[in-house]
Amino acid sequence: IITCNFISNKILQNQNKKNLFYQIKDFENLAKKRYERYENLGFWVCEGHYHQNHQINKENIKYLNLASFAYERSFFVVEYQQEIKFREQKLRGQNV
């Protein structure tokens, strides 16, 4: 029998088992390859799938891989003022 909360509770159980701090070996090389596939040379690419909290800001590659928001209960604000700035925001008292 599937109850109203069965699916969301199952997802939450699986999320609680995840290692949110797993570091991928040689991630910078993987990031460079992913960046090239976007064909956005010189522009920022921002991804969250791998949750490595890694940034490359060089003349020929601008790549940001976001951290896991689940652990810190946070999000990013992206501002553009002559250059792009990423600013992490923490959630306070929010049940997210």
N, C-alpha and C. Protein backbone atom coordinates (compact mmCIF):
# COMPACT_ATOMS: atom_id res chain seq x y z
N ILE A 1 0.85 -1.17 0.00
CA ILE A 1 0.00 0.00 0.00
C ILE A 1 0.89 1.23 0.00
N ILE A 2 0.62 2.15 -0.91
CA ILE A 2 1.38 3.40 -1.00
C ILE A 2 0.56 4.50 -0.34
N THR A 3 1.14 5.11 0.69
CA THR A 3 0.47 6.22 1.38
C THR A 3 0.92 7.54 0.77
N CYS A 4 0.32 8.61 1.22
CA CYS A 4 0.63 9.94 0.68
C CYS A 4 2.10 10.31 0.81
N ASN A 5 2.74 9.89 1.88
CA ASN A 5 4.13 10.28 2.13
C ASN A 5 5.14 9.20 1.79
N PHE A 6 4.70 8.07 1.27
CA PHE A 6 5.59 6.95 1.03
C PHE A 6 6.76 7.33 0.13
N ILE A 7 6.48 7.94 -1.00
CA ILE A 7 7.52 8.25 -1.97
C ILE A 7 8.49 9.29 -1.41
N SER A 8 7.97 10.37 -0.85
CA SER A 8 8.87 11.40 -0.31
C SER A 8 9.69 10.88 0.87
N ASN A 9 9.10 10.03 1.70
CA ASN A 9 9.85 9.44 2.81
C ASN A 9 10.94 8.51 2.30
N LYS A 10 10.67 7.76 1.26
CA LYS A 10 11.67 6.86 0.67
C LYS A 10 12.83 7.67 0.09
N ILE A 11 12.52 8.75 -0.60
CA ILE A 11 13.57 9.62 -1.14
C ILE A 11 14.40 10.20 -0.01
N LEU A 12 13.77 10.67 1.05
CA LEU A 12 14.48 11.24 2.19
C LEU A 12 15.39 10.21 2.85
N GLN A 13 14.93 8.96 2.99
CA GLN A 13 15.77 7.90 3.55
C GLN A 13 17.02 7.70 2.71
N ASN A 14 16.86 7.67 1.39
CA ASN A 14 18.00 7.49 0.50
C ASN A 14 18.94 8.68 0.56
N GLN A 15 18.41 9.89 0.64
CA GLN A 15 19.24 11.09 0.74
C GLN A 15 20.07 11.08 2.03
N ASN A 16 19.49 10.59 3.10
CA ASN A 16 20.21 10.56 4.39
C ASN A 16 21.38 9.59 4.37
N LYS A 17 21.40 8.64 3.45
CA LYS A 17 22.49 7.68 3.34
C LYS A 17 23.65 8.20 2.48
N LYS A 18 23.42 9.27 1.74
CA LYS A 18 24.44 9.77 0.81
C LYS A 18 25.61 10.40 1.55
N ASN A 19 26.79 10.26 0.96
CA ASN A 19 27.98 10.95 1.44
C ASN A 19 28.03 12.30 0.72
N LEU A 20 27.67 13.36 1.43
CA LEU A 20 27.59 14.69 0.81
C LEU A 20 28.96 15.32 0.59
N PHE A 21 30.03 14.68 1.08
CA PHE A 21 31.36 15.26 0.98
C PHE A 21 32.29 14.43 0.10
N TYR A 22 31.74 13.54 -0.69
CA TYR A 22 32.56 12.69 -1.57
C TYR A 22 33.31 13.57 -2.57
N GLN A 23 34.63 13.44 -2.61
CA GLN A 23 35.45 14.21 -3.54
C GLN A 23 35.87 13.32 -4.71
N ILE A 24 35.60 13.78 -5.91
CA ILE A 24 35.96 13.06 -7.12
C ILE A 24 37.43 13.32 -7.42
N LYS A 25 38.19 12.24 -7.62
CA LYS A 25 39.61 12.39 -7.96
C LYS A 25 39.74 13.11 -9.30
N ASP A 26 40.69 14.01 -9.37
CA ASP A 26 40.99 14.75 -10.60
C ASP A 26 39.76 15.46 -11.15
N PHE A 27 38.97 16.05 -10.25
CA PHE A 27 37.73 16.71 -10.67
C PHE A 27 38.00 17.89 -11.59
N GLU A 28 39.12 18.59 -11.39
CA GLU A 28 39.40 19.75 -12.25
C GLU A 28 39.49 19.32 -13.71
N ASN A 29 40.10 18.18 -13.98
CA ASN A 29 40.17 17.68 -15.36
C ASN A 29 38.77 17.36 -15.89
N LEU A 30 37.93 16.73 -15.09
CA LEU A 30 36.55 16.45 -15.48
C LEU A 30 35.80 17.75 -15.73
N ALA A 31 36.01 18.74 -14.87
CA ALA A 31 35.33 20.03 -15.02
C ALA A 31 35.73 20.70 -16.34
N LYS A 32 37.00 20.64 -16.67
CA LYS A 32 37.47 21.25 -17.93
C LYS A 32 36.82 20.57 -19.13
N LYS A 33 36.73 19.25 -19.11
CA LYS A 33 36.09 18.52 -20.21
C LYS A 33 34.61 18.88 -20.32
N ARG A 34 33.93 18.98 -19.18
CA ARG A 34 32.51 19.35 -19.20
C ARG A 34 32.34 20.77 -19.72
N TYR A 35 33.21 21.66 -19.31
CA TYR A 35 33.14 23.05 -19.76
C TYR A 35 33.25 23.14 -21.28
N GLU A 36 34.19 22.40 -21.85
CA GLU A 36 34.40 22.43 -23.30
C GLU A 36 33.17 21.93 -24.05
N ARG A 37 32.43 21.01 -23.49
CA ARG A 37 31.24 20.47 -24.16
C ARG A 37 30.13 21.50 -24.29
N TYR A 38 30.11 22.51 -23.41
CA TYR A 38 29.09 23.55 -23.49
C TYR A 38 29.34 24.54 -24.63
N GLU A 39 30.56 24.57 -25.13
CA GLU A 39 30.95 25.49 -26.21
C GLU A 39 30.64 26.94 -25.83
N ASN A 40 30.86 27.27 -24.57
CA ASN A 40 30.65 28.63 -24.05
C ASN A 40 31.98 29.26 -23.68
N LEU A 41 33.00 29.03 -24.45
CA LEU A 41 34.33 29.46 -24.08
C LEU A 41 34.35 30.93 -23.70
N GLY A 42 34.88 31.21 -22.52
CA GLY A 42 34.96 32.57 -22.02
C GLY A 42 33.78 32.98 -21.16
N PHE A 43 32.70 32.21 -21.17
CA PHE A 43 31.52 32.51 -20.36
C PHE A 43 31.44 31.53 -19.19
N TRP A 44 30.73 31.92 -18.16
CA TRP A 44 30.58 31.06 -16.98
C TRP A 44 29.64 29.90 -17.25
N VAL A 45 30.02 28.74 -16.75
CA VAL A 45 29.16 27.56 -16.70
C VAL A 45 29.03 27.19 -15.22
N CYS A 46 27.81 27.01 -14.78
CA CYS A 46 27.54 26.68 -13.37
C CYS A 46 26.74 25.37 -13.34
N GLU A 47 27.29 24.37 -12.65
CA GLU A 47 26.63 23.07 -12.54
C GLU A 47 26.49 22.67 -11.07
N GLY A 48 25.56 21.81 -10.80
CA GLY A 48 25.37 21.34 -9.44
C GLY A 48 25.34 19.84 -9.30
N HIS A 49 25.39 19.11 -10.40
CA HIS A 49 25.19 17.67 -10.35
C HIS A 49 26.21 16.95 -9.46
N TYR A 50 27.47 17.32 -9.56
CA TYR A 50 28.52 16.58 -8.83
C TYR A 50 28.72 17.08 -7.40
N HIS A 51 28.27 18.28 -7.07
CA HIS A 51 28.36 18.85 -5.72
C HIS A 51 29.78 18.81 -5.16
N GLN A 52 30.73 19.35 -5.94
CA GLN A 52 32.13 19.33 -5.52
C GLN A 52 32.61 20.65 -4.91
N ASN A 53 31.79 21.70 -4.98
CA ASN A 53 32.18 23.01 -4.45
C ASN A 53 33.53 23.44 -5.02
N HIS A 54 33.61 23.46 -6.34
CA HIS A 54 34.87 23.72 -7.04
C HIS A 54 34.68 24.84 -8.05
N GLN A 55 35.64 25.75 -8.10
CA GLN A 55 35.56 26.86 -9.04
C GLN A 55 36.86 26.97 -9.81
N ILE A 56 36.74 27.20 -11.12
CA ILE A 56 37.89 27.49 -11.98
C ILE A 56 37.60 28.85 -12.62
N ASN A 57 38.48 29.81 -12.39
CA ASN A 57 38.28 31.15 -12.95
C ASN A 57 39.57 31.57 -13.63
N LYS A 58 39.74 31.10 -14.86
CA LYS A 58 40.91 31.43 -15.66
C LYS A 58 40.44 32.14 -16.92
N GLU A 59 41.37 32.67 -17.66
CA GLU A 59 41.00 33.43 -18.87
C GLU A 59 40.19 32.58 -19.84
N ASN A 60 40.55 31.32 -20.00
CA ASN A 60 39.89 30.48 -21.00
C ASN A 60 38.84 29.52 -20.44
N ILE A 61 38.66 29.51 -19.12
CA ILE A 61 37.65 28.63 -18.53
C ILE A 61 37.09 29.26 -17.26
N LYS A 62 35.77 29.33 -17.21
CA LYS A 62 35.06 29.90 -16.06
C LYS A 62 33.97 28.90 -15.68
N TYR A 63 34.24 28.16 -14.64
CA TYR A 63 33.39 27.02 -14.28
C TYR A 63 33.16 27.01 -12.77
N LEU A 64 31.91 26.81 -12.37
CA LEU A 64 31.57 26.69 -10.96
C LEU A 64 30.73 25.44 -10.77
N ASN A 65 31.19 24.58 -9.88
CA ASN A 65 30.40 23.41 -9.50
C ASN A 65 29.95 23.64 -8.07
N LEU A 66 28.65 23.64 -7.87
CA LEU A 66 28.07 24.01 -6.58
C LEU A 66 28.23 22.91 -5.54
N ALA A 67 28.27 23.32 -4.29
CA ALA A 67 28.30 22.38 -3.17
C ALA A 67 26.89 21.81 -2.97
N SER A 68 26.79 20.85 -2.09
CA SER A 68 25.48 20.29 -1.75
C SER A 68 24.75 21.25 -0.83
N PHE A 69 23.61 21.72 -1.27
CA PHE A 69 22.82 22.63 -0.45
C PHE A 69 22.10 21.89 0.67
N ALA A 70 21.96 20.59 0.53
CA ALA A 70 21.23 19.81 1.53
C ALA A 70 21.91 19.86 2.89
N TYR A 71 23.24 19.85 2.90
CA TYR A 71 23.96 19.84 4.17
C TYR A 71 23.91 21.20 4.86
N GLU A 72 24.22 22.24 4.12
CA GLU A 72 24.30 23.58 4.70
C GLU A 72 22.96 24.31 4.72
N ARG A 73 21.95 23.73 4.04
CA ARG A 73 20.66 24.42 3.89
C ARG A 73 20.91 25.84 3.39
N SER A 74 21.52 25.90 2.23
CA SER A 74 21.90 27.19 1.67
C SER A 74 21.56 27.23 0.19
N PHE A 75 21.74 28.40 -0.40
CA PHE A 75 21.55 28.58 -1.83
C PHE A 75 22.49 29.68 -2.28
N PHE A 76 22.61 29.89 -3.58
CA PHE A 76 23.49 30.91 -4.11
C PHE A 76 22.69 32.02 -4.76
N VAL A 77 23.17 33.23 -4.60
CA VAL A 77 22.64 34.39 -5.31
C VAL A 77 23.70 34.76 -6.34
N VAL A 78 23.28 34.90 -7.60
CA VAL A 78 24.21 35.27 -8.66
C VAL A 78 23.95 36.72 -9.01
N GLU A 79 24.99 37.54 -8.91
CA GLU A 79 24.88 38.96 -9.24
C GLU A 79 25.79 39.26 -10.42
N TYR A 80 25.34 40.15 -11.28
CA TYR A 80 26.19 40.57 -12.39
C TYR A 80 26.42 42.07 -12.27
N GLN A 81 27.66 42.47 -12.03
CA GLN A 81 28.06 43.87 -11.95
C GLN A 81 29.44 43.97 -12.58
N GLN A 82 29.50 44.08 -13.88
CA GLN A 82 30.74 44.08 -14.66
C GLN A 82 31.40 42.69 -14.67
N GLU A 83 31.14 41.92 -13.66
CA GLU A 83 31.60 40.54 -13.62
C GLU A 83 30.59 39.75 -12.79
N ILE A 84 30.58 38.46 -12.96
CA ILE A 84 29.63 37.63 -12.23
C ILE A 84 30.21 37.31 -10.86
N LYS A 85 29.39 37.42 -9.83
CA LYS A 85 29.80 37.08 -8.47
C LYS A 85 28.81 36.07 -7.91
N PHE A 86 29.32 35.03 -7.29
CA PHE A 86 28.49 34.02 -6.65
C PHE A 86 28.56 34.25 -5.15
N ARG A 87 27.42 34.37 -4.52
CA ARG A 87 27.36 34.65 -3.08
C ARG A 87 26.47 33.60 -2.43
N GLU A 88 27.04 32.81 -1.52
CA GLU A 88 26.26 31.77 -0.84
C GLU A 88 25.40 32.40 0.24
N GLN A 89 24.17 31.94 0.33
CA GLN A 89 23.23 32.41 1.35
C GLN A 89 22.83 31.22 2.21
N LYS A 90 22.84 31.40 3.51
CA LYS A 90 22.42 30.35 4.44
C LYS A 90 20.94 30.55 4.77
N LEU A 91 20.22 29.47 4.88
CA LEU A 91 18.83 29.53 5.31
C LEU A 91 18.81 29.52 6.83
N ARG A 92 18.02 30.39 7.41
CA ARG A 92 17.94 30.47 8.87
C ARG A 92 16.53 30.13 9.31
N GLY A 93 16.40 29.11 10.12
CA GLY A 93 15.10 28.75 10.66
C GLY A 93 14.13 28.21 9.63
N GLN A 94 14.65 27.81 8.48
CA GLN A 94 13.80 27.27 7.42
C GLN A 94 13.83 25.76 7.49
N ASN A 95 12.71 25.14 7.34
CA ASN A 95 12.63 23.68 7.27
C ASN A 95 12.53 23.32 5.80
N VAL A 96 13.69 23.15 5.16
CA VAL A 96 13.74 22.91 3.72
C VAL A 96 13.97 21.45 3.45
